């Protein structure tokens, strides 16, 4: 049985639209859905519980996504397993497409849907930013920034080995090699962007802070394991499926955008120049805004964008 775990912290305004999309298809037996309300002070639990018996609601007092995911795992019933943010929208058919991709290719451990970002109602700089961001190679190919990741049981073991990190979706994406993960464009998720420049900057400051934490984690792992031992940990793979693979170290890949990426984008699409300027300005402002948190090692303060949660 497919299980869906949804961690939710004060998402009463938006979680209903996600659950309605997941529950809309009644022609087939639906997946097991677990909503973990963590530290909620609004009506998230009531809204989720009002969707009927197909949704199980668990409440924990601590506002922690990491803990909510672990509690969700304790209550989830099967695999493949999807982890879905409460503020995105993904439908039952999209869930089936992700599950099908994992079941057809035993080499795949993780999959995520194609990303739809509705920019109507957003300020011009926000629209310009996302027109560039969506075209970046790491953004197109990575599983992060989608709010949905589906994993096999072996893929779940890989994720369970990760420590609590603010950049949990980035860490999850880079925990798998290119041949182990896939973006399934036939499945779609709607990810609502911030509507204002200030909310975009809040998101980018959070991203810059969480990326710094993740890179420190990678550096610490490299320091713990000598290079020769790291090479020995990745033996030559025999042909054929490996459904019983044990967790491997987090990939050394990076999702950072470099100047070469932006130059290549401009070469292919010169009309994106204003957007690239906006993108660079946002990155510089976010880097400056994240300095204090990085210096103080404050990797727990979540700068939340409320403008995208106008349900």
Protein backbone atom coordinates (compact mmCIF):
# COMPACT_ATOMS: atom_id res chain seq x y z
CA UNK A 1 0.00 0.00 0.00
CA UNK A 2 1.24 3.48 -0.87
CA UNK A 3 1.53 5.80 2.14
CA UNK A 4 1.56 9.60 2.14
CA UNK A 5 3.02 11.50 5.11
CA UNK A 6 2.11 15.18 5.38
CA UNK A 7 3.86 17.22 8.10
CA UNK A 8 1.81 20.33 8.86
CA UNK A 9 2.49 23.31 11.11
CA UNK A 10 -0.34 25.88 11.16
CA UNK A 11 -1.48 25.02 7.64
CA UNK A 12 -5.23 25.23 8.27
CA UNK A 13 -5.67 27.75 5.43
CA UNK A 14 -4.17 25.53 2.74
CA UNK A 15 -4.08 21.87 3.73
CA UNK A 16 -7.67 21.35 2.62
CA UNK A 17 -6.86 21.97 -1.04
CA UNK A 18 -4.09 19.35 -0.94
CA UNK A 19 -6.27 16.75 0.75
CA UNK A 20 -9.16 17.42 -1.62
CA UNK A 21 -6.84 16.80 -4.58
CA UNK A 22 -5.53 13.56 -3.06
CA UNK A 23 -9.03 12.34 -2.24
CA UNK A 24 -10.73 13.45 -5.47
CA UNK A 25 -10.25 10.15 -7.30
CA UNK A 26 -12.64 7.65 -5.75
CA UNK A 27 -12.53 5.13 -8.60
CA UNK A 28 -9.67 3.20 -7.05
CA UNK A 29 -8.62 2.40 -3.53
CA UNK A 30 -6.68 5.39 -2.32
CA UNK A 31 -3.37 5.60 -0.52
CA UNK A 32 -2.84 5.63 3.21
CA UNK A 33 -2.70 9.32 4.23
CA UNK A 34 -1.15 10.45 7.52
CA UNK A 35 -1.21 14.12 8.53
CA UNK A 36 1.14 14.98 11.39
CA UNK A 37 0.16 18.30 12.96
CA UNK A 38 3.26 19.52 14.76
CA UNK A 39 2.97 22.36 17.26
CA UNK A 40 -0.17 23.70 15.60
CA UNK A 41 -2.08 26.56 17.19
CA UNK A 42 -4.67 26.87 14.42
CA UNK A 43 -7.34 24.53 13.01
CA UNK A 44 -5.06 22.33 10.89
CA UNK A 45 -6.09 19.15 12.74
CA UNK A 46 -9.79 19.97 12.43
CA UNK A 47 -9.54 20.72 8.71
CA UNK A 48 -7.59 17.52 8.03
CA UNK A 49 -9.81 15.41 10.24
CA UNK A 50 -12.88 16.73 8.47
CA UNK A 51 -11.81 15.00 5.23
CA UNK A 52 -13.03 11.62 6.45
CA UNK A 53 -11.68 8.25 7.45
CA UNK A 54 -9.10 8.06 4.66
CA UNK A 55 -7.06 10.71 6.46
CA UNK A 56 -5.46 9.83 9.78
CA UNK A 57 -4.48 12.82 11.89
CA UNK A 58 -1.67 12.66 14.45
CA UNK A 59 -0.92 15.61 16.74
CA UNK A 60 2.41 16.26 18.43
CA UNK A 61 3.23 19.30 20.59
CA UNK A 62 6.64 20.13 19.10
CA UNK A 63 6.80 22.38 16.02
CA UNK A 64 9.40 20.28 14.19
CA UNK A 65 9.14 19.03 10.61
CA UNK A 66 11.87 16.47 11.20
CA UNK A 67 10.06 15.02 14.20
CA UNK A 68 6.75 15.12 12.33
CA UNK A 69 8.26 13.07 9.50
CA UNK A 70 9.59 10.51 11.95
CA UNK A 71 6.22 10.23 13.69
CA UNK A 72 4.55 9.93 10.31
CA UNK A 73 6.88 7.05 9.47
CA UNK A 74 5.82 5.29 12.66
CA UNK A 75 2.17 5.43 11.58
CA UNK A 76 2.54 4.95 7.81
CA UNK A 77 1.57 1.51 6.55
CA UNK A 78 3.50 0.88 3.37
CA UNK A 79 5.72 1.67 0.42
CA UNK A 80 6.29 3.41 -1.87
CA UNK A 81 6.03 6.33 0.53
CA UNK A 82 5.48 9.97 -0.33
CA UNK A 83 6.40 12.95 1.81
CA UNK A 84 4.28 15.95 0.86
CA UNK A 85 4.38 19.53 2.16
CA UNK A 86 0.96 20.75 3.26
CA UNK A 87 1.10 23.94 1.19
CA UNK A 88 1.46 22.33 -2.25
CA UNK A 89 -1.19 20.61 -4.38
CA UNK A 90 -0.65 17.18 -5.92
CA UNK A 91 -3.44 14.92 -7.10
CA UNK A 92 -4.23 11.22 -6.88
CA UNK A 93 -3.29 10.62 -10.54
CA UNK A 94 0.07 12.29 -9.94
CA UNK A 95 0.69 10.03 -6.96
CA UNK A 96 -0.02 6.99 -9.12
CA UNK A 97 2.40 8.28 -11.79
CA UNK A 98 5.19 8.61 -9.22
CA UNK A 99 4.50 5.19 -7.74
CA UNK A 100 4.39 3.66 -11.21
CA UNK A 101 7.76 5.14 -12.11
CA UNK A 102 9.34 3.63 -8.98
CA UNK A 103 7.73 0.25 -9.54
CA UNK A 104 8.70 0.01 -13.22
CA UNK A 105 12.39 0.79 -12.65
CA UNK A 106 13.97 -1.04 -9.76
CA UNK A 107 17.07 1.12 -10.03
CA UNK A 108 15.08 4.17 -8.97
CA UNK A 109 14.97 4.93 -5.27
CA UNK A 110 13.32 8.36 -5.35
CA UNK A 111 11.07 10.37 -7.64
CA UNK A 112 9.38 13.77 -7.66
CA UNK A 113 6.78 15.41 -9.89
CA UNK A 114 7.23 18.18 -12.41
CA UNK A 115 6.79 21.62 -10.89
CA UNK A 116 4.10 24.17 -11.83
CA UNK A 117 4.58 27.64 -10.35
CA UNK A 118 1.59 29.94 -10.94
CA UNK A 119 2.99 33.47 -11.16
CA UNK A 120 -0.29 35.35 -11.57
CA UNK A 121 -0.72 37.92 -8.82
CA UNK A 122 3.00 38.03 -8.05
CA UNK A 123 5.03 41.22 -8.15
CA UNK A 124 7.12 41.75 -11.30
CA UNK A 125 10.49 41.03 -9.61
CA UNK A 126 9.09 37.74 -8.26
CA UNK A 127 7.90 36.71 -11.72
CA UNK A 128 11.27 37.67 -13.22
CA UNK A 129 13.14 35.71 -10.56
CA UNK A 130 11.19 32.50 -11.08
CA UNK A 131 11.44 32.66 -14.87
CA UNK A 132 15.19 32.35 -14.37
CA UNK A 133 15.16 30.00 -11.37
CA UNK A 134 12.96 27.41 -13.09
CA UNK A 135 15.40 27.14 -16.01
CA UNK A 136 18.54 26.46 -13.98
CA UNK A 137 19.95 22.94 -14.51
CA UNK A 138 20.08 22.02 -10.81
CA UNK A 139 16.51 23.23 -10.31
CA UNK A 140 15.23 21.30 -13.33
CA UNK A 141 16.99 18.08 -12.40
CA UNK A 142 16.87 18.09 -8.58
CA UNK A 143 14.05 16.73 -6.44
CA UNK A 144 14.12 19.78 -4.14
CA UNK A 145 11.77 22.76 -4.26
CA UNK A 146 8.79 20.61 -5.21
CA UNK A 147 7.28 19.79 -1.84
CA UNK A 148 6.85 16.13 -2.86
CA UNK A 149 9.26 13.22 -2.84
CA UNK A 150 8.35 9.56 -3.32
CA UNK A 151 10.72 6.82 -2.18
CA UNK A 152 10.98 3.08 -2.18
CA UNK A 153 11.73 1.21 1.02
CA UNK A 154 15.44 1.28 0.17
CA UNK A 155 15.18 4.98 -0.62
CA UNK A 156 13.48 5.57 2.71
CA UNK A 157 16.43 3.95 4.47
CA UNK A 158 18.70 6.47 2.74
CA UNK A 159 16.60 9.38 4.01
CA UNK A 160 16.28 7.97 7.52
CA UNK A 161 20.08 8.10 7.84
CA UNK A 162 20.11 11.89 7.39
CA UNK A 163 20.30 14.16 10.44
CA UNK A 164 17.79 16.99 11.04
CA UNK A 165 18.58 19.67 8.47
CA UNK A 166 16.76 22.85 7.53
CA UNK A 167 17.41 22.06 3.85
CA UNK A 168 15.70 18.70 4.18
CA UNK A 169 14.51 18.54 0.57
CA UNK A 170 17.95 19.49 -0.77
CA UNK A 171 19.60 16.85 1.41
CA UNK A 172 17.02 14.30 0.27
CA UNK A 173 17.65 15.09 -3.39
CA UNK A 174 21.43 14.88 -3.07
CA UNK A 175 21.23 11.65 -1.06
CA UNK A 176 20.58 9.91 -4.38
CA UNK A 177 22.77 9.69 -7.43
CA UNK A 178 21.50 10.77 -10.86
CA UNK A 179 20.60 7.18 -11.76
CA UNK A 180 18.70 6.68 -8.52
CA UNK A 181 16.39 9.69 -8.72
CA UNK A 182 14.05 11.01 -11.38
CA UNK A 183 11.75 13.93 -12.02
CA UNK A 184 8.57 12.41 -13.47
CA UNK A 185 7.20 15.13 -15.71
CA UNK A 186 3.97 13.19 -16.22
CA UNK A 187 3.15 13.89 -12.59
CA UNK A 188 2.62 17.52 -11.59
CA UNK A 189 2.67 19.50 -8.36
CA UNK A 190 1.52 23.08 -7.92
CA UNK A 191 4.00 25.08 -5.82
CA UNK A 192 2.75 28.55 -5.02
CA UNK A 193 5.49 31.19 -4.99
CA UNK A 194 5.72 34.22 -2.71
CA UNK A 195 3.76 37.16 -4.06
CA UNK A 196 5.94 40.01 -2.84
CA UNK A 197 9.63 40.87 -3.08
CA UNK A 198 9.99 40.90 0.70
CA UNK A 199 8.53 37.41 1.00
CA UNK A 200 10.78 36.18 -1.79
CA UNK A 201 13.79 37.52 0.10
CA UNK A 202 12.60 35.77 3.26
CA UNK A 203 12.55 32.51 1.34
CA UNK A 204 15.95 33.13 -0.19
CA UNK A 205 17.51 34.05 3.17
CA UNK A 206 16.17 30.77 4.53
CA UNK A 207 17.56 28.93 1.51
CA UNK A 208 20.99 30.56 1.89
CA UNK A 209 21.05 29.72 5.60
CA UNK A 210 19.95 26.14 5.10
CA UNK A 211 22.42 25.61 2.24
CA UNK A 212 25.25 26.76 4.50
CA UNK A 213 24.16 24.27 7.15
CA UNK A 214 24.01 21.48 4.58
CA UNK A 215 27.47 22.31 3.22
CA UNK A 216 28.86 22.23 6.76
CA UNK A 217 27.27 18.81 7.18
CA UNK A 218 28.93 17.63 3.94
CA UNK A 219 32.29 19.02 5.06
CA UNK A 220 32.00 17.28 8.42
CA UNK A 221 31.25 13.98 6.70
CA UNK A 222 34.26 14.40 4.43
CA UNK A 223 36.47 15.14 7.44
CA UNK A 224 35.24 12.03 9.26
CA UNK A 225 35.96 9.63 6.40
CA UNK A 226 39.36 9.61 4.62
CA UNK A 227 39.23 9.93 0.84
CA UNK A 228 40.46 6.37 0.32
CA UNK A 229 37.71 5.02 2.56
CA UNK A 230 35.08 7.10 0.77
CA UNK A 231 36.17 5.64 -2.55
CA UNK A 232 36.02 2.14 -1.11
CA UNK A 233 32.47 2.74 0.10
CA UNK A 234 31.23 2.92 -3.48
CA UNK A 235 32.13 -0.41 -5.14
CA UNK A 236 31.60 -1.12 -8.80
CA UNK A 237 27.95 -1.91 -9.33
CA UNK A 238 26.99 -5.21 -10.84
CA UNK A 239 24.32 -5.08 -13.55
CA UNK A 240 20.70 -5.64 -12.60
CA UNK A 241 18.42 -4.28 -9.88
CA UNK A 242 19.66 -3.62 -6.39
CA UNK A 243 16.48 -3.35 -4.30
CA UNK A 244 18.33 -4.34 -1.13
CA UNK A 245 20.93 -1.57 -1.20
CA UNK A 246 22.01 -0.17 2.13
CA UNK A 247 22.14 3.58 2.77
CA UNK A 248 25.14 5.32 1.21
CA UNK A 249 26.82 8.60 2.16
CA UNK A 250 25.19 11.86 1.11
CA UNK A 251 26.32 12.80 -2.38
CA UNK A 252 29.13 15.27 -2.86
CA UNK A 253 27.07 16.98 -5.54
CA UNK A 254 26.05 20.59 -5.09
CA UNK A 255 22.90 22.41 -6.16
CA UNK A 256 24.53 25.84 -6.10
CA UNK A 257 24.11 28.07 -9.13
CA UNK A 258 27.33 29.43 -10.63
CA UNK A 259 28.03 32.26 -13.00
CA UNK A 260 28.56 29.70 -15.77
CA UNK A 261 24.94 28.58 -15.37
CA UNK A 262 23.68 32.14 -15.72
CA UNK A 263 25.94 32.86 -18.70
CA UNK A 264 24.71 29.74 -20.48
CA UNK A 265 21.13 30.73 -19.77
CA UNK A 266 21.68 34.21 -21.18
CA UNK A 267 23.42 32.83 -24.24
CA UNK A 268 20.40 30.63 -24.98
CA UNK A 269 17.78 33.22 -23.98
CA UNK A 270 19.06 36.82 -24.12
CA UNK A 271 15.58 38.13 -23.30
CA UNK A 272 16.05 36.81 -19.76
CA UNK A 273 18.66 39.49 -18.96
CA UNK A 274 16.31 41.53 -16.68
CA UNK A 275 15.40 38.35 -14.83
CA UNK A 276 19.04 37.38 -14.38
CA UNK A 277 19.72 40.82 -12.90
CA UNK A 278 16.83 40.31 -10.46
CA UNK A 279 18.10 36.81 -9.66
CA UNK A 280 21.60 38.05 -8.85
CA UNK A 281 20.29 40.91 -6.72
CA UNK A 282 18.06 38.52 -4.77
CA UNK A 283 20.99 36.15 -4.23
CA UNK A 284 23.24 38.93 -2.95
CA UNK A 285 20.57 40.33 -0.62
CA UNK A 286 19.80 36.84 0.70
CA UNK A 287 23.47 36.08 1.26
CA UNK A 288 23.84 39.26 3.27
CA UNK A 289 20.63 38.57 5.19
CA UNK A 290 21.77 35.07 6.13
CA UNK A 291 25.16 36.08 7.57
CA UNK A 292 24.03 36.54 11.17
CA UNK A 293 22.16 33.23 11.31
CA UNK A 294 25.12 31.40 9.77
CA UNK A 295 27.57 33.11 12.12
CA UNK A 296 25.40 32.24 15.14
CA UNK A 297 24.72 28.74 13.75
CA UNK A 298 21.02 29.45 13.97
CA UNK A 299 19.69 26.74 11.69
CA UNK A 300 16.29 26.40 13.34
CA UNK A 301 14.60 29.78 12.81
CA UNK A 302 12.18 29.22 9.93
CA UNK A 303 11.51 32.39 7.92
CA UNK A 304 8.05 31.56 6.65
CA UNK A 305 6.44 33.13 3.63
CA UNK A 306 2.76 33.78 4.34
CA UNK A 307 1.84 35.38 1.02
CA UNK A 308 1.86 32.03 -0.77
CA UNK A 309 -0.49 30.57 1.82
CA UNK A 310 -3.51 32.63 0.91
CA UNK A 311 -5.74 29.59 0.52
